[in-house]
Amino acid sequence: MTAAVEELADCGYDGLSLTRVAERAGVSKGLIWHYFADKDDLMESTAKATMTTIRDRIADSLDLTEPVPDIIRAALRRVAALTVTHQGELTALNRIVHNLRNPDGTPRLTPDVYEETYQAQESLFRRGQTEGTLRDFDTRVMAITYQGAIGMMLGYLGTSHSHISPDDYADRLADILLAGIRRS
């Protein structure tokens, strides 16, 4: 899957070659077929694994004993930094999400792939409500909104907006989100 990420980042979705993926991985093409039914299966598995790796990397870098608003700000800063530190993974993930389709043309990766992320975010928001730092709101709606804001931030910072500091963008986004959910 690491080789698939590299191939996607270098050659794009349509330019991806399973032969080159196998060469990058140092394995035979037959071994890829042993583990994956087809290119779409490899792409779906790669996207899910990449999302999980990124989510876990961010979560592991946070001090979860801090107050929830501080965790939210730190998480947004870590995610924004990925546009510099893990650009290849984000590019590959973006290409899979926008190109992987079912036979009927509908996206193969649905918002359900974020379910574990949504649940973790809901838990964090509920904790903030319990500790009194966040006001009462629907944690599910906020988790989906928060994840959507993260996706837009990554998309924006990942384009030709290199003059914008990822930390500044993350801080401004945190200010907006926290203004809406903090207990006053």
C-alpha atoms as a PDB file:
ATOM      1  CA  MET A   1       0.000   0.000   0.000  1.00  0.00           C
ATOM      2  CA  THR A   2       2.931   2.344   0.608  1.00  0.00           C
ATOM      3  CA  ALA A   3       4.039   1.706  -2.957  1.00  0.00           C
ATOM      4  CA  ALA A   4       0.494   2.425  -4.180  1.00  0.00           C
ATOM      5  CA  VAL A   5       0.526   5.748  -2.310  1.00  0.00           C
ATOM      6  CA  GLU A   6       3.840   6.683  -3.929  1.00  0.00           C
ATOM      7  CA  GLU A   7       2.621   5.647  -7.387  1.00  0.00           C
ATOM      8  CA  LEU A   8      -0.625   7.617  -6.963  1.00  0.00           C
ATOM      9  CA  ALA A   9       1.228  10.721  -5.809  1.00  0.00           C
ATOM     10  CA  ASP A  10       3.643  10.506  -8.753  1.00  0.00           C
ATOM     11  CA  CYS A  11       1.417   9.300 -11.605  1.00  0.00           C
ATOM     12  CA  GLY A  12      -2.178  10.046 -10.623  1.00  0.00           C
ATOM     13  CA  TYR A  13      -5.105   7.678 -10.402  1.00  0.00           C
ATOM     14  CA  ASP A  14      -5.464   6.978 -14.111  1.00  0.00           C
ATOM     15  CA  GLY A  15      -1.698   6.681 -14.544  1.00  0.00           C
ATOM     16  CA  LEU A  16      -1.308   4.145 -11.749  1.00  0.00           C
ATOM     17  CA  SER A  17       0.216   0.898 -12.925  1.00  0.00           C
ATOM     18  CA  LEU A  18       0.011  -2.240 -10.804  1.00  0.00           C
ATOM     19  CA  THR A  19       3.251  -3.372 -12.435  1.00  0.00           C
ATOM     20  CA  ARG A  20       5.008  -0.225 -11.159  1.00  0.00           C
ATOM     21  CA  VAL A  21       3.353  -0.606  -7.741  1.00  0.00           C
ATOM     22  CA  ALA A  22       4.785  -4.133  -7.538  1.00  0.00           C
ATOM     23  CA  GLU A  23       8.212  -2.886  -8.654  1.00  0.00           C
ATOM     24  CA  ARG A  24       8.182  -0.102  -6.027  1.00  0.00           C
ATOM     25  CA  ALA A  25       7.170  -2.611  -3.358  1.00  0.00           C
ATOM     26  CA  GLY A  26       9.822  -5.105  -4.481  1.00  0.00           C
ATOM     27  CA  VAL A  27       7.251  -7.869  -4.951  1.00  0.00           C
ATOM     28  CA  SER A  28       5.781  -9.745  -7.876  1.00  0.00           C
ATOM     29  CA  LYS A  29       2.572  -8.500  -9.463  1.00  0.00           C
ATOM     30  CA  GLY A  30       1.078 -11.903  -8.625  1.00  0.00           C
ATOM     31  CA  LEU A  31       1.513 -11.163  -4.927  1.00  0.00           C
ATOM     32  CA  ILE A  32      -0.653  -8.067  -5.317  1.00  0.00           C
ATOM     33  CA  TRP A  33      -3.339 -10.233  -6.958  1.00  0.00           C
ATOM     34  CA  HIS A  34      -3.034 -12.677  -4.061  1.00  0.00           C
ATOM     35  CA  TYR A  35      -4.079  -9.986  -1.545  1.00  0.00           C
ATOM     36  CA  PHE A  36      -6.293  -7.735  -3.681  1.00  0.00           C
ATOM     37  CA  ALA A  37      -9.044  -8.752  -6.097  1.00  0.00           C
ATOM     38  CA  ASP A  38      -8.314  -5.888  -8.483  1.00  0.00           C
ATOM     39  CA  LYS A  39      -7.027  -2.312  -8.710  1.00  0.00           C
ATOM     40  CA  ASP A  40     -10.191  -0.968  -7.061  1.00  0.00           C
ATOM     41  CA  ASP A  41      -9.749  -3.318  -4.105  1.00  0.00           C
ATOM     42  CA  LEU A  42      -6.145  -2.140  -3.694  1.00  0.00           C
ATOM     43  CA  MET A  43      -7.256   1.500  -3.922  1.00  0.00           C
ATOM     44  CA  GLU A  44     -10.026   1.048  -1.344  1.00  0.00           C
ATOM     45  CA  SER A  45      -7.700  -0.763   1.062  1.00  0.00           C
ATOM     46  CA  THR A  46      -4.998   1.860   0.544  1.00  0.00           C
ATOM     47  CA  ALA A  47      -7.423   4.722   1.222  1.00  0.00           C
ATOM     48  CA  LYS A  48      -8.786   3.133   4.386  1.00  0.00           C
ATOM     49  CA  ALA A  49      -5.330   2.259   5.701  1.00  0.00           C
ATOM     50  CA  THR A  50      -4.020   5.747   4.920  1.00  0.00           C
ATOM     51  CA  MET A  51      -6.977   7.402   6.671  1.00  0.00           C
ATOM     52  CA  THR A  52      -6.464   5.204   9.724  1.00  0.00           C
ATOM     53  CA  THR A  53      -2.738   5.892   9.807  1.00  0.00           C
ATOM     54  CA  ILE A  54      -3.253   9.646   9.561  1.00  0.00           C
ATOM     55  CA  ARG A  55      -6.009   9.648  12.202  1.00  0.00           C
ATOM     56  CA  ASP A  56      -3.911   7.562  14.600  1.00  0.00           C
ATOM     57  CA  ARG A  57      -0.811   9.690  13.976  1.00  0.00           C
ATOM     58  CA  ILE A  58      -2.725  12.833  14.918  1.00  0.00           C
ATOM     59  CA  ALA A  59      -4.402  11.242  17.963  1.00  0.00           C
ATOM     60  CA  ASP A  60      -1.112   9.834  19.243  1.00  0.00           C
ATOM     61  CA  SER A  61       0.531  13.263  19.026  1.00  0.00           C
ATOM     62  CA  LEU A  62      -2.066  14.959  21.228  1.00  0.00           C
ATOM     63  CA  ASP A  63      -2.049  15.391  24.997  1.00  0.00           C
ATOM     64  CA  LEU A  64      -5.574  14.174  25.732  1.00  0.00           C
ATOM     65  CA  THR A  65      -5.339  15.361  29.348  1.00  0.00           C
ATOM     66  CA  GLU A  66      -5.546  18.996  28.175  1.00  0.00           C
ATOM     67  CA  PRO A  67      -8.862  20.875  28.136  1.00  0.00           C
ATOM     68  CA  VAL A  68     -10.940  19.991  25.078  1.00  0.00           C
ATOM     69  CA  PRO A  69     -10.642  23.426  23.381  1.00  0.00           C
ATOM     70  CA  ASP A  70      -6.841  23.111  23.573  1.00  0.00           C
ATOM     71  CA  ILE A  71      -7.014  19.602  22.092  1.00  0.00           C
ATOM     72  CA  ILE A  72      -9.173  20.852  19.208  1.00  0.00           C
ATOM     73  CA  ARG A  73      -6.717  23.650  18.424  1.00  0.00           C
ATOM     74  CA  ALA A  74      -3.716  21.303  18.628  1.00  0.00           C
ATOM     75  CA  ALA A  75      -5.436  18.692  16.453  1.00  0.00           C
ATOM     76  CA  LEU A  76      -6.216  21.263  13.755  1.00  0.00           C
ATOM     77  CA  ARG A  77      -2.599  22.443  13.783  1.00  0.00           C
ATOM     78  CA  ARG A  78      -1.316  18.852  13.445  1.00  0.00           C
ATOM     79  CA  VAL A  79      -3.698  18.156  10.567  1.00  0.00           C
ATOM     80  CA  ALA A  80      -2.742  21.381   8.769  1.00  0.00           C
ATOM     81  CA  ALA A  81       0.949  20.476   9.108  1.00  0.00           C
ATOM     82  CA  LEU A  82       0.292  17.291   7.137  1.00  0.00           C
ATOM     83  CA  THR A  83       0.051  19.427   3.983  1.00  0.00           C
ATOM     84  CA  VAL A  84       3.781  19.995   4.378  1.00  0.00           C
ATOM     85  CA  THR A  85       4.985  16.814   6.081  1.00  0.00           C
ATOM     86  CA  HIS A  86       2.798  14.176   4.384  1.00  0.00           C
ATOM     87  CA  GLN A  87       1.812  15.736   1.092  1.00  0.00           C
ATOM     88  CA  GLY A  88       2.205  12.484  -0.863  1.00  0.00           C
ATOM     89  CA  GLU A  89      -0.208  10.595   1.365  1.00  0.00           C
ATOM     90  CA  LEU A  90      -2.779  13.383   1.187  1.00  0.00           C
ATOM     91  CA  THR A  91      -2.447  13.616  -2.600  1.00  0.00           C
ATOM     92  CA  ALA A  92      -2.884   9.864  -2.998  1.00  0.00           C
ATOM     93  CA  LEU A  93      -5.863   9.799  -0.655  1.00  0.00           C
ATOM     94  CA  ASN A  94      -7.509  12.693  -2.474  1.00  0.00           C
ATOM     95  CA  ARG A  95      -7.024  10.969  -5.830  1.00  0.00           C
ATOM     96  CA  ILE A  96      -8.564   7.733  -4.582  1.00  0.00           C
ATOM     97  CA  VAL A  97     -11.543   9.425  -2.936  1.00  0.00           C
ATOM     98  CA  HIS A  98     -12.344  11.419  -6.090  1.00  0.00           C
ATOM     99  CA  ASN A  99     -11.823   8.593  -8.595  1.00  0.00           C
ATOM    100  CA  LEU A 100     -12.770   5.268  -7.005  1.00  0.00           C
ATOM    101  CA  ARG A 101     -16.275   4.380  -8.194  1.00  0.00           C
ATOM    102  CA  ASN A 102     -18.745   1.516  -8.043  1.00  0.00           C
ATOM    103  CA  PRO A 103     -19.887   0.025 -11.350  1.00  0.00           C
ATOM    104  CA  ASP A 104     -22.944   2.328 -11.300  1.00  0.00           C
ATOM    105  CA  GLY A 105     -20.679   5.401 -11.015  1.00  0.00           C
ATOM    106  CA  THR A 106     -21.393   6.200  -7.369  1.00  0.00           C
ATOM    107  CA  PRO A 107     -18.427   6.815  -5.058  1.00  0.00           C
ATOM    108  CA  ARG A 108     -17.051   3.591  -3.609  1.00  0.00           C
ATOM    109  CA  LEU A 109     -15.826   5.370  -0.479  1.00  0.00           C
ATOM    110  CA  THR A 110     -18.749   6.886   1.384  1.00  0.00           C
ATOM    111  CA  PRO A 111     -18.786   9.017   4.541  1.00  0.00           C
ATOM    112  CA  ASP A 112     -19.068   5.727   6.449  1.00  0.00           C
ATOM    113  CA  VAL A 113     -15.272   5.400   6.195  1.00  0.00           C
ATOM    114  CA  TYR A 114     -15.107   8.228   8.745  1.00  0.00           C
ATOM    115  CA  GLU A 115     -17.344   6.471  11.297  1.00  0.00           C
ATOM    116  CA  GLU A 116     -14.563   5.657  13.757  1.00  0.00           C
ATOM    117  CA  THR A 117     -13.269   9.214  13.451  1.00  0.00           C
ATOM    118  CA  TYR A 118     -16.754  10.652  14.003  1.00  0.00           C
ATOM    119  CA  GLN A 119     -17.191   8.526  17.121  1.00  0.00           C
ATOM    120  CA  ALA A 120     -13.867   9.655  18.587  1.00  0.00           C
ATOM    121  CA  GLN A 121     -14.700  13.295  17.877  1.00  0.00           C
ATOM    122  CA  GLU A 122     -18.179  12.905  19.400  1.00  0.00           C
ATOM    123  CA  SER A 123     -16.582  11.446  22.525  1.00  0.00           C
ATOM    124  CA  LEU A 124     -14.199  14.397  22.755  1.00  0.00           C
ATOM    125  CA  PHE A 125     -17.033  16.904  22.325  1.00  0.00           C
ATOM    126  CA  ARG A 126     -19.133  15.124  24.990  1.00  0.00           C
ATOM    127  CA  ARG A 127     -16.152  15.273  27.337  1.00  0.00           C
ATOM    128  CA  GLY A 128     -15.910  19.017  26.752  1.00  0.00           C
ATOM    129  CA  GLN A 129     -19.603  19.372  27.526  1.00  0.00           C
ATOM    130  CA  THR A 130     -19.194  17.326  30.712  1.00  0.00           C
ATOM    131  CA  GLU A 131     -16.147  19.303  31.869  1.00  0.00           C
ATOM    132  CA  GLY A 132     -18.017  22.532  31.150  1.00  0.00           C
ATOM    133  CA  THR A 133     -15.745  23.976  28.450  1.00  0.00           C
ATOM    134  CA  LEU A 134     -18.198  23.346  25.596  1.00  0.00           C
ATOM    135  CA  ARG A 135     -21.858  24.333  25.399  1.00  0.00           C
ATOM    136  CA  ASP A 136     -24.677  21.886  24.707  1.00  0.00           C
ATOM    137  CA  PHE A 137     -24.944  20.879  21.024  1.00  0.00           C
ATOM    138  CA  ASP A 138     -25.513  17.773  18.934  1.00  0.00           C
ATOM    139  CA  THR A 139     -22.111  16.076  19.018  1.00  0.00           C
ATOM    140  CA  ARG A 140     -22.817  14.020  15.876  1.00  0.00           C
ATOM    141  CA  VAL A 141     -23.633  17.100  13.802  1.00  0.00           C
ATOM    142  CA  MET A 142     -20.527  18.820  15.171  1.00  0.00           C
ATOM    143  CA  ALA A 143     -18.280  15.818  14.428  1.00  0.00           C
ATOM    144  CA  ILE A 144     -19.442  15.771  10.812  1.00  0.00           C
ATOM    145  CA  THR A 145     -19.095  19.559  10.528  1.00  0.00           C
ATOM    146  CA  TYR A 146     -15.640  19.466  12.134  1.00  0.00           C
ATOM    147  CA  GLN A 147     -14.462  16.706   9.781  1.00  0.00           C
ATOM    148  CA  GLY A 148     -15.862  18.632   6.816  1.00  0.00           C
ATOM    149  CA  ALA A 149     -13.936  21.727   7.879  1.00  0.00           C
ATOM    150  CA  ILE A 150     -10.781  19.631   8.140  1.00  0.00           C
ATOM    151  CA  GLY A 151     -11.327  18.268   4.635  1.00  0.00           C
ATOM    152  CA  MET A 152     -11.793  21.745   3.206  1.00  0.00           C
ATOM    153  CA  MET A 153      -8.718  23.018   5.051  1.00  0.00           C
ATOM    154  CA  LEU A 154      -6.593  20.202   3.639  1.00  0.00           C
ATOM    155  CA  GLY A 155      -7.952  20.770   0.152  1.00  0.00           C
ATOM    156  CA  TYR A 156      -7.300  24.492   0.296  1.00  0.00           C
ATOM    157  CA  LEU A 157      -3.822  24.252   1.814  1.00  0.00           C
ATOM    158  CA  GLY A 158      -2.909  21.413  -0.559  1.00  0.00           C
ATOM    159  CA  THR A 159      -3.436  23.573  -3.639  1.00  0.00           C
ATOM    160  CA  SER A 160      -1.323  26.481  -4.783  1.00  0.00           C
ATOM    161  CA  HIS A 161      -1.793  28.452  -1.579  1.00  0.00           C
ATOM    162  CA  SER A 162       1.750  27.951  -0.331  1.00  0.00           C
ATOM    163  CA  HIS A 163       1.871  31.567   0.867  1.00  0.00           C
ATOM    164  CA  ILE A 164      -0.610  30.687   3.621  1.00  0.00           C
ATOM    165  CA  SER A 165       0.840  29.313   6.834  1.00  0.00           C
ATOM    166  CA  PRO A 166      -0.816  26.014   7.809  1.00  0.00           C
ATOM    167  CA  ASP A 167      -0.551  27.041  11.484  1.00  0.00           C
ATOM    168  CA  ASP A 168      -2.251  30.388  10.809  1.00  0.00           C
ATOM    169  CA  TYR A 169      -5.047  28.711   8.868  1.00  0.00           C
ATOM    170  CA  ALA A 170      -5.535  26.095  11.601  1.00  0.00           C
ATOM    171  CA  ASP A 171      -5.600  28.756  14.323  1.00  0.00           C
ATOM    172  CA  ARG A 172      -8.183  30.834  12.460  1.00  0.00           C
ATOM    173  CA  LEU A 173     -10.336  27.771  11.872  1.00  0.00           C
ATOM    174  CA  ALA A 174     -10.031  26.825  15.554  1.00  0.00           C
ATOM    175  CA  ASP A 175     -11.070  30.371  16.534  1.00  0.00           C
ATOM    176  CA  ILE A 176     -14.214  30.115  14.389  1.00  0.00           C
ATOM    177  CA  LEU A 177     -15.176  26.629  15.559  1.00  0.00           C
ATOM    178  CA  LEU A 178     -14.485  27.316  19.209  1.00  0.00           C
ATOM    179  CA  ALA A 179     -16.438  30.588  19.107  1.00  0.00           C
ATOM    180  CA  GLY A 180     -19.461  28.536  18.126  1.00  0.00           C
ATOM    181  CA  ILE A 181     -19.121  25.679  20.602  1.00  0.00           C
ATOM    182  CA  ARG A 182     -17.478  27.098  23.745  1.00  0.00           C
ATOM    183  CA  ARG A 183     -19.558  27.688  26.799  1.00  0.00           C
ATOM    184  CA  SER A 184     -19.858  31.439  27.228  1.00  0.00           C
END
